Amino acid sequence: MIYQIDWDGNPVIKYETDLPLSQICVSNSDDMVYAIANREENLLVEFALSGGNE
């Protein structure tokens, strides 16, 4: 799970994935998350941040 929080530490949204992730980073424009999926072969994955509330 990845939790997006605001600058005051309040939760904004929770993202769930069935992939084990590492090396997570956010784009300069704050609209994408990039990570390495730890599988038999490492895979670069990306997730769009919706910015909505859950």
Protein backbone atom coordinates (compact mmCIF):
# COMPACT_ATOMS: atom_id res chain seq x y z
CA MET A 1 0.00 0.00 0.00
CA ILE A 2 1.07 3.54 -0.72
CA TYR A 3 -0.43 6.36 1.33
CA GLN A 4 -0.55 9.86 -0.12
CA ILE A 5 -0.58 12.51 2.61
CA ASP A 6 -0.70 16.30 2.55
CA TRP A 7 2.03 18.54 4.01
CA ASP A 8 0.27 18.50 7.41
CA GLY A 9 0.41 14.69 7.54
CA ASN A 10 -3.29 14.17 6.82
CA PRO A 11 -4.16 11.16 4.64
CA VAL A 12 -5.37 12.06 1.14
CA ILE A 13 -5.71 8.67 -0.57
CA LYS A 14 -4.52 5.08 -0.25
CA TYR A 15 -3.26 3.14 -3.28
CA GLU A 16 -3.14 -0.65 -3.17
CA THR A 17 -1.07 -2.90 -5.41
CA ASP A 18 -0.60 -6.63 -5.60
CA LEU A 19 3.06 -6.14 -6.55
CA PRO A 20 5.86 -5.91 -3.98
CA LEU A 21 7.44 -2.50 -4.66
CA SER A 22 10.74 -0.85 -3.83
CA GLN A 23 12.68 2.23 -4.94
CA ILE A 24 9.56 4.41 -5.05
CA CYS A 25 9.70 8.00 -6.34
CA VAL A 26 7.25 10.68 -7.40
CA SER A 27 7.52 12.70 -10.62
CA ASN A 28 8.55 16.36 -10.50
CA SER A 29 4.98 17.32 -11.41
CA ASP A 30 3.57 15.19 -8.52
CA ASP A 31 1.20 13.31 -10.86
CA MET A 32 3.00 9.95 -11.23
CA VAL A 33 4.64 7.38 -8.97
CA TYR A 34 7.45 5.22 -10.31
CA ALA A 35 8.69 2.08 -8.58
CA ILE A 36 10.53 -1.17 -9.11
CA ALA A 37 8.27 -4.24 -8.90
CA ASN A 38 10.23 -7.05 -7.26
CA ARG A 39 9.41 -10.12 -9.30
CA GLU A 40 11.56 -12.81 -10.92
CA GLU A 41 12.86 -9.98 -13.08
CA ASN A 42 12.68 -6.43 -11.75
CA LEU A 43 10.16 -4.32 -13.62
CA LEU A 44 9.73 -0.54 -13.69
CA VAL A 45 6.08 0.34 -13.04
CA GLU A 46 4.21 3.64 -12.98
CA PHE A 47 0.98 4.72 -11.33
CA ALA A 48 -0.98 7.90 -12.04
CA LEU A 49 -1.88 9.85 -8.91
CA SER A 50 -5.52 10.86 -9.05
CA GLY A 51 -5.40 13.24 -6.09
CA GLY A 52 -8.94 12.31 -5.08
CA ASN A 53 -10.16 11.49 -1.60
CA GLU A 54 -10.96 8.00 -0.41
